[in-house]
């Protein structure tokens, strides 16, 4: 399966998956290389991180509902596991 992604994307994907697996909370990856970030609009409740441009790894927290503070912001520190959804160029969806 990884071979179908190409060498560069497969290498970066392995790195991102290892980062996510090794983290005890999502906060631990927040400032790592990979630009981990919350998605917006139709993808609210999902997160993305960079692979090779323009592709992203998209994932969601396994905790439902997603932990939020009193202002409705997601609490990265309380997210202890994720489920990978897809690899996609979601900017192409616009």
PDB file of N, CA and C in Angstrom:
ATOM      1  N   UNK A   1       0.813  -1.198   0.000  1.00  0.00           N
ATOM      2  CA  UNK A   1       0.000   0.000   0.000  1.00  0.00           C
ATOM      3  C   UNK A   1       0.858   1.265   0.000  1.00  0.00           C
ATOM      4  N   UNK A   2       1.869   1.322   0.873  1.00  0.00           N
ATOM      5  CA  UNK A   2       2.708   2.514   0.952  1.00  0.00           C
ATOM      6  C   UNK A   2       3.439   2.780  -0.355  1.00  0.00           C
ATOM      7  N   UNK A   3       3.813   1.738  -1.076  1.00  0.00           N
ATOM      8  CA  UNK A   3       4.520   1.920  -2.337  1.00  0.00           C
ATOM      9  C   UNK A   3       3.678   2.709  -3.331  1.00  0.00           C
ATOM     10  N   UNK A   4       2.365   2.558  -3.273  1.00  0.00           N
ATOM     11  CA  UNK A   4       1.474   3.279  -4.181  1.00  0.00           C
ATOM     12  C   UNK A   4       1.487   4.782  -3.917  1.00  0.00           C
ATOM     13  N   UNK A   5       1.908   5.189  -2.733  1.00  0.00           N
ATOM     14  CA  UNK A   5       1.956   6.616  -2.390  1.00  0.00           C
ATOM     15  C   UNK A   5       3.190   7.308  -2.942  1.00  0.00           C
ATOM     16  N   UNK A   6       4.187   6.551  -3.310  1.00  0.00           N
ATOM     17  CA  UNK A   6       5.456   7.127  -3.725  1.00  0.00           C
ATOM     18  C   UNK A   6       6.386   7.183  -2.531  1.00  0.00           C
ATOM     19  N   UNK A   7       7.669   7.188  -2.800  1.00  0.00           N
ATOM     20  CA  UNK A   7       8.675   7.094  -1.739  1.00  0.00           C
ATOM     21  C   UNK A   7       8.626   8.272  -0.765  1.00  0.00           C
ATOM     22  N   UNK A   8       8.536   9.487  -1.278  1.00  0.00           N
ATOM     23  CA  UNK A   8       8.559  10.666  -0.412  1.00  0.00           C
ATOM     24  C   UNK A   8       7.332  10.696   0.498  1.00  0.00           C
ATOM     25  N   UNK A   9       6.147  10.550  -0.072  1.00  0.00           N
ATOM     26  CA  UNK A   9       4.923  10.608   0.722  1.00  0.00           C
ATOM     27  C   UNK A   9       4.869   9.452   1.725  1.00  0.00           C
ATOM     28  N   UNK A  10       5.287   8.270   1.313  1.00  0.00           N
ATOM     29  CA  UNK A  10       5.272   7.116   2.219  1.00  0.00           C
ATOM     30  C   UNK A  10       6.225   7.341   3.396  1.00  0.00           C
ATOM     31  N   UNK A  11       7.388   7.912   3.143  1.00  0.00           N
ATOM     32  CA  UNK A  11       8.355   8.193   4.214  1.00  0.00           C
ATOM     33  C   UNK A  11       7.790   9.204   5.201  1.00  0.00           C
ATOM     34  N   UNK A  12       7.199  10.264   4.687  1.00  0.00           N
ATOM     35  CA  UNK A  12       6.626  11.289   5.568  1.00  0.00           C
ATOM     36  C   UNK A  12       5.419  10.726   6.320  1.00  0.00           C
ATOM     37  N   UNK A  13       4.606   9.928   5.647  1.00  0.00           N
ATOM     38  CA  UNK A  13       3.446   9.311   6.299  1.00  0.00           C
ATOM     39  C   UNK A  13       3.899   8.451   7.482  1.00  0.00           C
ATOM     40  N   UNK A  14       4.918   7.638   7.282  1.00  0.00           N
ATOM     41  CA  UNK A  14       5.424   6.810   8.378  1.00  0.00           C
ATOM     42  C   UNK A  14       5.848   7.690   9.561  1.00  0.00           C
ATOM     43  N   UNK A  15       6.525   8.798   9.266  1.00  0.00           N
ATOM     44  CA  UNK A  15       6.982   9.716  10.315  1.00  0.00           C
ATOM     45  C   UNK A  15       5.785  10.301  11.077  1.00  0.00           C
ATOM     46  N   UNK A  16       4.770  10.768  10.354  1.00  0.00           N
ATOM     47  CA  UNK A  16       3.589  11.363  10.997  1.00  0.00           C
ATOM     48  C   UNK A  16       2.840  10.330  11.835  1.00  0.00           C
ATOM     49  N   UNK A  17       2.692   9.117  11.311  1.00  0.00           N
ATOM     50  CA  UNK A  17       2.000   8.072  12.061  1.00  0.00           C
ATOM     51  C   UNK A  17       2.764   7.713  13.336  1.00  0.00           C
ATOM     52  N   UNK A  18       4.083   7.688  13.258  1.00  0.00           N
ATOM     53  CA  UNK A  18       4.898   7.425  14.442  1.00  0.00           C
ATOM     54  C   UNK A  18       4.736   8.547  15.459  1.00  0.00           C
ATOM     55  N   UNK A  19       4.730   9.802  14.992  1.00  0.00           N
ATOM     56  CA  UNK A  19       4.531  10.930  15.900  1.00  0.00           C
ATOM     57  C   UNK A  19       3.195  10.807  16.626  1.00  0.00           C
ATOM     58  N   UNK A  20       2.144  10.488  15.891  1.00  0.00           N
ATOM     59  CA  UNK A  20       0.821  10.351  16.491  1.00  0.00           C
ATOM     60  C   UNK A  20       0.758   9.167  17.445  1.00  0.00           C
ATOM     61  N   UNK A  21       1.372   8.059  17.065  1.00  0.00           N
ATOM     62  CA  UNK A  21       1.359   6.859  17.915  1.00  0.00           C
ATOM     63  C   UNK A  21       2.128   7.095  19.208  1.00  0.00           C
ATOM     64  N   UNK A  22       3.242   7.791  19.136  1.00  0.00           N
ATOM     65  CA  UNK A  22       4.089   8.004  20.308  1.00  0.00           C
ATOM     66  C   UNK A  22       3.552   9.074  21.255  1.00  0.00           C
ATOM     67  N   UNK A  23       2.666   9.927  20.772  1.00  0.00           N
ATOM     68  CA  UNK A  23       2.126  11.011  21.604  1.00  0.00           C
ATOM     69  C   UNK A  23       1.077  10.463  22.563  1.00  0.00           C
ATOM     70  N   UNK A  24       1.122  10.933  23.807  1.00  0.00           N
ATOM     71  CA  UNK A  24       0.073  10.534  24.747  1.00  0.00           C
ATOM     72  C   UNK A  24      -1.136  11.454  24.641  1.00  0.00           C
ATOM     73  N   UNK A  25      -0.921  12.683  24.136  1.00  0.00           N
ATOM     74  CA  UNK A  25      -2.023  13.608  23.846  1.00  0.00           C
ATOM     75  C   UNK A  25      -1.721  14.303  22.531  1.00  0.00           C
ATOM     76  N   UNK A  26      -2.742  14.859  21.920  1.00  0.00           N
ATOM     77  CA  UNK A  26      -2.554  15.574  20.661  1.00  0.00           C
ATOM     78  C   UNK A  26      -1.684  16.812  20.849  1.00  0.00           C
ATOM     79  N   UNK A  27      -1.692  17.372  22.053  1.00  0.00           N
ATOM     80  CA  UNK A  27      -0.861  18.542  22.352  1.00  0.00           C
ATOM     81  C   UNK A  27       0.616  18.265  22.086  1.00  0.00           C
ATOM     82  N   UNK A  28       1.058  17.027  22.262  1.00  0.00           N
ATOM     83  CA  UNK A  28       2.468  16.679  22.082  1.00  0.00           C
ATOM     84  C   UNK A  28       2.937  16.808  20.632  1.00  0.00           C
ATOM     85  N   UNK A  29       2.035  16.746  19.677  1.00  0.00           N
ATOM     86  CA  UNK A  29       2.439  16.882  18.270  1.00  0.00           C
ATOM     87  C   UNK A  29       2.187  18.289  17.737  1.00  0.00           C
ATOM     88  N   UNK A  30       1.500  19.079  18.491  1.00  0.00           N
ATOM     89  CA  UNK A  30       1.039  20.393  18.027  1.00  0.00           C
ATOM     90  C   UNK A  30       2.150  21.251  17.419  1.00  0.00           C
ATOM     91  N   UNK A  31       3.327  21.236  18.021  1.00  0.00           N
ATOM     92  CA  UNK A  31       4.399  22.105  17.557  1.00  0.00           C
ATOM     93  C   UNK A  31       5.536  21.343  16.875  1.00  0.00           C
ATOM     94  N   UNK A  32       5.302  20.075  16.574  1.00  0.00           N
ATOM     95  CA  UNK A  32       6.296  19.304  15.822  1.00  0.00           C
ATOM     96  C   UNK A  32       6.251  19.695  14.353  1.00  0.00           C
ATOM     97  N   UNK A  33       7.326  19.435  13.615  1.00  0.00           N
ATOM     98  CA  UNK A  33       7.253  19.639  12.171  1.00  0.00           C
ATOM     99  C   UNK A  33       6.089  18.819  11.613  1.00  0.00           C
ATOM    100  N   UNK A  34       5.365  19.387  10.686  1.00  0.00           N
ATOM    101  CA  UNK A  34       4.217  18.709  10.098  1.00  0.00           C
ATOM    102  C   UNK A  34       2.983  19.581  10.085  1.00  0.00           C
ATOM    103  N   UNK A  35       3.058  20.720  10.777  1.00  0.00           N
ATOM    104  CA  UNK A  35       1.947  21.675  10.763  1.00  0.00           C
ATOM    105  C   UNK A  35       0.628  21.014  11.168  1.00  0.00           C
ATOM    106  N   UNK A  36       0.594  20.418  12.347  1.00  0.00           N
ATOM    107  CA  UNK A  36      -0.634  19.833  12.872  1.00  0.00           C
ATOM    108  C   UNK A  36      -1.614  20.960  13.168  1.00  0.00           C
ATOM    109  N   UNK A  37      -2.824  20.842  12.632  1.00  0.00           N
ATOM    110  CA  UNK A  37      -3.777  21.944  12.796  1.00  0.00           C
ATOM    111  C   UNK A  37      -5.219  21.442  12.707  1.00  0.00           C
ATOM    112  N   UNK A  38      -6.096  22.214  13.350  1.00  0.00           N
ATOM    113  CA  UNK A  38      -7.529  21.936  13.289  1.00  0.00           C
ATOM    114  C   UNK A  38      -8.048  22.386  11.919  1.00  0.00           C
ATOM    115  N   UNK A  39      -8.983  21.632  11.388  1.00  0.00           N
ATOM    116  CA  UNK A  39      -9.607  22.008  10.127  1.00  0.00           C
ATOM    117  C   UNK A  39     -10.891  22.776  10.419  1.00  0.00           C
ATOM    118  N   UNK A  40     -11.384  23.460   9.414  1.00  0.00           N
ATOM    119  CA  UNK A  40     -12.534  24.351   9.598  1.00  0.00           C
ATOM    120  C   UNK A  40     -13.670  23.988   8.650  1.00  0.00           C
ATOM    121  N   UNK A  41     -14.750  24.737   8.811  1.00  0.00           N
ATOM    122  CA  UNK A  41     -15.927  24.634   7.944  1.00  0.00           C
ATOM    123  C   UNK A  41     -16.466  23.204   7.904  1.00  0.00           C
ATOM    124  N   UNK A  42     -16.598  22.631   6.732  1.00  0.00           N
ATOM    125  CA  UNK A  42     -17.174  21.292   6.596  1.00  0.00           C
ATOM    126  C   UNK A  42     -16.307  20.219   7.247  1.00  0.00           C
ATOM    127  N   UNK A  43     -15.056  20.533   7.518  1.00  0.00           N
ATOM    128  CA  UNK A  43     -14.137  19.578   8.135  1.00  0.00           C
ATOM    129  C   UNK A  43     -13.900  19.860   9.619  1.00  0.00           C
ATOM    130  N   UNK A  44     -14.731  20.711  10.216  1.00  0.00           N
ATOM    131  CA  UNK A  44     -14.594  20.999  11.648  1.00  0.00           C
ATOM    132  C   UNK A  44     -14.703  19.689  12.430  1.00  0.00           C
ATOM    133  N   UNK A  45     -13.831  19.522  13.419  1.00  0.00           N
ATOM    134  CA  UNK A  45     -13.778  18.280  14.175  1.00  0.00           C
ATOM    135  C   UNK A  45     -12.742  17.317  13.629  1.00  0.00           C
ATOM    136  N   UNK A  46     -12.082  17.717  12.546  1.00  0.00           N
ATOM    137  CA  UNK A  46     -10.986  16.942  11.974  1.00  0.00           C
ATOM    138  C   UNK A  46      -9.703  17.755  12.117  1.00  0.00           C
ATOM    139  N   UNK A  47      -8.577  17.062  12.083  1.00  0.00           N
ATOM    140  CA  UNK A  47      -7.264  17.687  12.109  1.00  0.00           C
ATOM    141  C   UNK A  47      -6.514  17.251  10.868  1.00  0.00           C
ATOM    142  N   UNK A  48      -5.506  18.031  10.499  1.00  0.00           N
ATOM    143  CA  UNK A  48      -4.661  17.676   9.379  1.00  0.00           C
ATOM    144  C   UNK A  48      -3.211  17.938   9.721  1.00  0.00           C
ATOM    145  N   UNK A  49      -2.328  17.274   8.980  1.00  0.00           N
ATOM    146  CA  UNK A  49      -0.907  17.573   9.061  1.00  0.00           C
ATOM    147  C   UNK A  49      -0.329  17.359   7.670  1.00  0.00           C
ATOM    148  N   UNK A  50       0.762  18.049   7.406  1.00  0.00           N
ATOM    149  CA  UNK A  50       1.367  18.026   6.081  1.00  0.00           C
ATOM    150  C   UNK A  50       2.044  16.697   5.773  1.00  0.00           C
ATOM    151  N   UNK A  51       1.877  16.272   4.543  1.00  0.00           N
ATOM    152  CA  UNK A  51       2.700  15.215   3.968  1.00  0.00           C
ATOM    153  C   UNK A  51       3.544  15.938   2.920  1.00  0.00           C
ATOM    154  N   UNK A  52       3.582  15.448   1.695  1.00  0.00           N
ATOM    155  CA  UNK A  52       4.228  16.211   0.633  1.00  0.00           C
ATOM    156  C   UNK A  52       3.152  17.086  -0.003  1.00  0.00           C
ATOM    157  N   UNK A  53       3.491  18.301  -0.326  1.00  0.00           N
ATOM    158  CA  UNK A  53       2.515  19.256  -0.846  1.00  0.00           C
ATOM    159  C   UNK A  53       1.900  18.733  -2.135  1.00  0.00           C
ATOM    160  N   UNK A  54       0.610  18.844  -2.284  1.00  0.00           N
ATOM    161  CA  UNK A  54      -0.384  19.491  -1.447  1.00  0.00           C
ATOM    162  C   UNK A  54      -1.146  18.511  -0.548  1.00  0.00           C
ATOM    163  N   UNK A  55      -0.587  17.329  -0.304  1.00  0.00           N
ATOM    164  CA  UNK A  55      -1.322  16.280   0.410  1.00  0.00           C
ATOM    165  C   UNK A  55      -1.209  16.415   1.922  1.00  0.00           C
ATOM    166  N   UNK A  56      -2.307  16.040   2.590  1.00  0.00           N
ATOM    167  CA  UNK A  56      -2.398  16.090   4.047  1.00  0.00           C
ATOM    168  C   UNK A  56      -2.906  14.752   4.570  1.00  0.00           C
ATOM    169  N   UNK A  57      -2.479  14.436   5.781  1.00  0.00           N
ATOM    170  CA  UNK A  57      -3.035  13.324   6.526  1.00  0.00           C
ATOM    171  C   UNK A  57      -4.156  13.898   7.375  1.00  0.00           C
ATOM    172  N   UNK A  58      -5.342  13.357   7.268  1.00  0.00           N
ATOM    173  CA  UNK A  58      -6.511  13.867   7.999  1.00  0.00           C
ATOM    174  C   UNK A  58      -6.923  12.825   9.030  1.00  0.00           C
ATOM    175  N   UNK A  59      -7.202  13.299  10.255  1.00  0.00           N
ATOM    176  CA  UNK A  59      -7.581  12.406  11.338  1.00  0.00           C
ATOM    177  C   UNK A  59      -8.570  13.086  12.273  1.00  0.00           C
ATOM    178  N   UNK A  60      -9.242  12.276  13.080  1.00  0.00           N
ATOM    179  CA  UNK A  60     -10.203  12.781  14.063  1.00  0.00           C
ATOM    180  C   UNK A  60      -9.882  12.182  15.425  1.00  0.00           C
ATOM    181  N   UNK A  61     -10.234  12.895  16.494  1.00  0.00           N
ATOM    182  CA  UNK A  61     -10.077  12.323  17.829  1.00  0.00           C
ATOM    183  C   UNK A  61     -11.024  11.136  18.000  1.00  0.00           C
ATOM    184  N   UNK A  62     -10.591  10.148  18.779  1.00  0.00           N
ATOM    185  CA  UNK A  62     -11.472   9.001  19.027  1.00  0.00           C
ATOM    186  C   UNK A  62     -12.459   9.310  20.147  1.00  0.00           C
ATOM    187  N   UNK A  63     -12.205  10.354  20.916  1.00  0.00           N
ATOM    188  CA  UNK A  63     -13.097  10.741  22.006  1.00  0.00           C
ATOM    189  C   UNK A  63     -14.303  11.480  21.425  1.00  0.00           C
ATOM    190  N   UNK A  64     -15.498  11.027  21.782  1.00  0.00           N
ATOM    191  CA  UNK A  64     -16.711  11.661  21.279  1.00  0.00           C
ATOM    192  C   UNK A  64     -17.642  11.926  22.450  1.00  0.00           C
ATOM    193  N   UNK A  65     -17.974  13.149  22.749  1.00  0.00           N
ATOM    194  CA  UNK A  65     -17.633  14.337  21.981  1.00  0.00           C
ATOM    195  C   UNK A  65     -16.178  14.758  22.197  1.00  0.00           C
ATOM    196  N   UNK A  66     -15.690  15.551  21.256  1.00  0.00           N
ATOM    197  CA  UNK A  66     -14.329  16.067  21.356  1.00  0.00           C
ATOM    198  C   UNK A  66     -14.281  17.045  22.529  1.00  0.00           C
ATOM    199  N   UNK A  67     -13.289  16.911  23.416  1.00  0.00           N
ATOM    200  CA  UNK A  67     -13.206  17.807  24.577  1.00  0.00           C
ATOM    201  C   UNK A  67     -13.050  19.274  24.162  1.00  0.00           C
ATOM    202  N   UNK A  68     -13.873  20.136  24.765  1.00  0.00           N
ATOM    203  CA  UNK A  68     -13.804  21.574  24.490  1.00  0.00           C
ATOM    204  C   UNK A  68     -13.789  22.341  25.803  1.00  0.00           C
ATOM    205  N   UNK A  69     -13.310  23.576  25.736  1.00  0.00           N
ATOM    206  CA  UNK A  69     -13.365  24.448  26.908  1.00  0.00           C
ATOM    207  C   UNK A  69     -14.664  25.251  26.872  1.00  0.00           C
ATOM    208  N   UNK A  70     -14.825  26.155  27.830  1.00  0.00           N
ATOM    209  CA  UNK A  70     -16.065  26.935  27.923  1.00  0.00           C
ATOM    210  C   UNK A  70     -16.288  27.856  26.730  1.00  0.00           C
ATOM    211  N   UNK A  71     -15.225  28.124  25.950  1.00  0.00           N
ATOM    212  CA  UNK A  71     -15.354  28.961  24.754  1.00  0.00           C
ATOM    213  C   UNK A  71     -15.573  28.134  23.485  1.00  0.00           C
ATOM    214  N   UNK A  72     -15.679  26.813  23.639  1.00  0.00           N
ATOM    215  CA  UNK A  72     -15.910  25.945  22.488  1.00  0.00           C
ATOM    216  C   UNK A  72     -14.648  25.556  21.741  1.00  0.00           C
ATOM    217  N   UNK A  73     -13.481  25.922  22.276  1.00  0.00           N
ATOM    218  CA  UNK A  73     -12.218  25.559  21.629  1.00  0.00           C
ATOM    219  C   UNK A  73     -11.847  24.132  22.022  1.00  0.00           C
ATOM    220  N   UNK A  74     -11.295  23.401  21.068  1.00  0.00           N
ATOM    221  CA  UNK A  74     -10.873  22.034  21.350  1.00  0.00           C
ATOM    222  C   UNK A  74      -9.693  22.047  22.312  1.00  0.00           C
ATOM    223  N   UNK A  75      -9.687  21.093  23.239  1.00  0.00           N
ATOM    224  CA  UNK A  75      -8.603  20.981  24.218  1.00  0.00           C
ATOM    225  C   UNK A  75      -7.663  19.872  23.752  1.00  0.00           C
ATOM    226  N   UNK A  76      -6.601  20.248  23.084  1.00  0.00           N
ATOM    227  CA  UNK A  76      -5.642  19.297  22.521  1.00  0.00           C
ATOM    228  C   UNK A  76      -5.059  18.388  23.597  1.00  0.00           C
ATOM    229  N   UNK A  77      -4.875  18.919  24.794  1.00  0.00           N
ATOM    230  CA  UNK A  77      -4.289  18.172  25.898  1.00  0.00           C
ATOM    231  C   UNK A  77      -5.184  17.016  26.356  1.00  0.00           C
ATOM    232  N   UNK A  78      -6.478  17.108  26.109  1.00  0.00           N
ATOM    233  CA  UNK A  78      -7.422  16.065  26.523  1.00  0.00           C
ATOM    234  C   UNK A  78      -7.722  15.053  25.417  1.00  0.00           C
ATOM    235  N   UNK A  79      -7.114  15.219  24.262  1.00  0.00           N
ATOM    236  CA  UNK A  79      -7.319  14.280  23.154  1.00  0.00           C
ATOM    237  C   UNK A  79      -6.201  13.250  23.211  1.00  0.00           C
ATOM    238  N   UNK A  80      -6.555  12.027  23.549  1.00  0.00           N
ATOM    239  CA  UNK A  80      -5.548  10.999  23.824  1.00  0.00           C
ATOM    240  C   UNK A  80      -5.441   9.927  22.746  1.00  0.00           C
ATOM    241  N   UNK A  81      -6.183  10.044  21.691  1.00  0.00           N
ATOM    242  CA  UNK A  81      -6.099   9.092  20.594  1.00  0.00           C
ATOM    243  C   UNK A  81      -6.802   9.632  19.367  1.00  0.00           C
ATOM    244  N   UNK A  82      -6.349   9.196  18.196  1.00  0.00           N
ATOM    245  CA  UNK A  82      -6.951   9.654  16.945  1.00  0.00           C
ATOM    246  C   UNK A  82      -7.178   8.478  16.014  1.00  0.00           C
ATOM    247  N   UNK A  83      -8.064   8.711  15.058  1.00  0.00           N
ATOM    248  CA  UNK A  83      -8.323   7.750  13.986  1.00  0.00           C
ATOM    249  C   UNK A  83      -8.000   8.432  12.667  1.00  0.00           C
ATOM    250  N   UNK A  84      -7.153   7.810  11.874  1.00  0.00           N
ATOM    251  CA  UNK A  84      -6.801   8.360  10.564  1.00  0.00           C
ATOM    252  C   UNK A  84      -7.985   8.177   9.630  1.00  0.00           C
ATOM    253  N   UNK A  85      -8.345   9.255   8.941  1.00  0.00           N
ATOM    254  CA  UNK A  85      -9.478   9.243   8.021  1.00  0.00           C
ATOM    255  C   UNK A  85      -9.022   9.042   6.575  1.00  0.00           C
ATOM    256  N   UNK A  86      -8.037   9.864   6.156  1.00  0.00           N
ATOM    257  CA  UNK A  86      -7.635   9.803   4.751  1.00  0.00           C
ATOM    258  C   UNK A  86      -6.371  10.599   4.497  1.00  0.00           C
ATOM    259  N   UNK A  87      -5.834  10.385   3.319  1.00  0.00           N
ATOM    260  CA  UNK A  87      -4.768  11.216   2.755  1.00  0.00           C
ATOM    261  C   UNK A  87      -5.406  11.911   1.572  1.00  0.00           C
ATOM    262  N   UNK A  88      -5.343  13.245   1.569  1.00  0.00           N
ATOM    263  CA  UNK A  88      -6.091  13.983   0.554  1.00  0.00           C
ATOM    264  C   UNK A  88      -5.489  15.372   0.337  1.00  0.00           C
ATOM    265  N   UNK A  89      -5.755  15.928  -0.814  1.00  0.00           N
ATOM    266  CA  UNK A  89      -5.511  17.340  -1.086  1.00  0.00           C
ATOM    267  C   UNK A  89      -6.859  18.025  -0.872  1.00  0.00           C
ATOM    268  N   UNK A  90      -7.169  18.386   0.371  1.00  0.00           N
ATOM    269  CA  UNK A  90      -8.495  18.939   0.668  1.00  0.00           C
ATOM    270  C   UNK A  90      -8.667  20.363   0.159  1.00  0.00           C
ATOM    271  N   UNK A  91      -7.605  21.037  -0.212  1.00  0.00           N
ATOM    272  CA  UNK A  91      -7.746  22.384  -0.784  1.00  0.00           C
ATOM    273  C   UNK A  91      -8.369  22.304  -2.176  1.00  0.00           C
ATOM    274  N   UNK A  92      -8.240  21.172  -2.818  1.00  0.00           N
ATOM    275  CA  UNK A  92      -8.827  20.954  -4.136  1.00  0.00           C
ATOM    276  C   UNK A  92     -10.354  20.886  -4.049  1.00  0.00           C
ATOM    277  N   UNK A  93     -10.890  20.604  -2.856  1.00  0.00           N
ATOM    278  CA  UNK A  93     -12.344  20.479  -2.668  1.00  0.00           C
ATOM    279  C   UNK A  93     -13.069  21.802  -2.818  1.00  0.00           C
ATOM    280  N   UNK A  94     -12.378  22.909  -2.658  1.00  0.00           N
ATOM    281  CA  UNK A  94     -13.018  24.232  -2.656  1.00  0.00           C
ATOM    282  C   UNK A  94     -13.558  24.602  -4.013  1.00  0.00           C
TER     283      UNK A  94
END
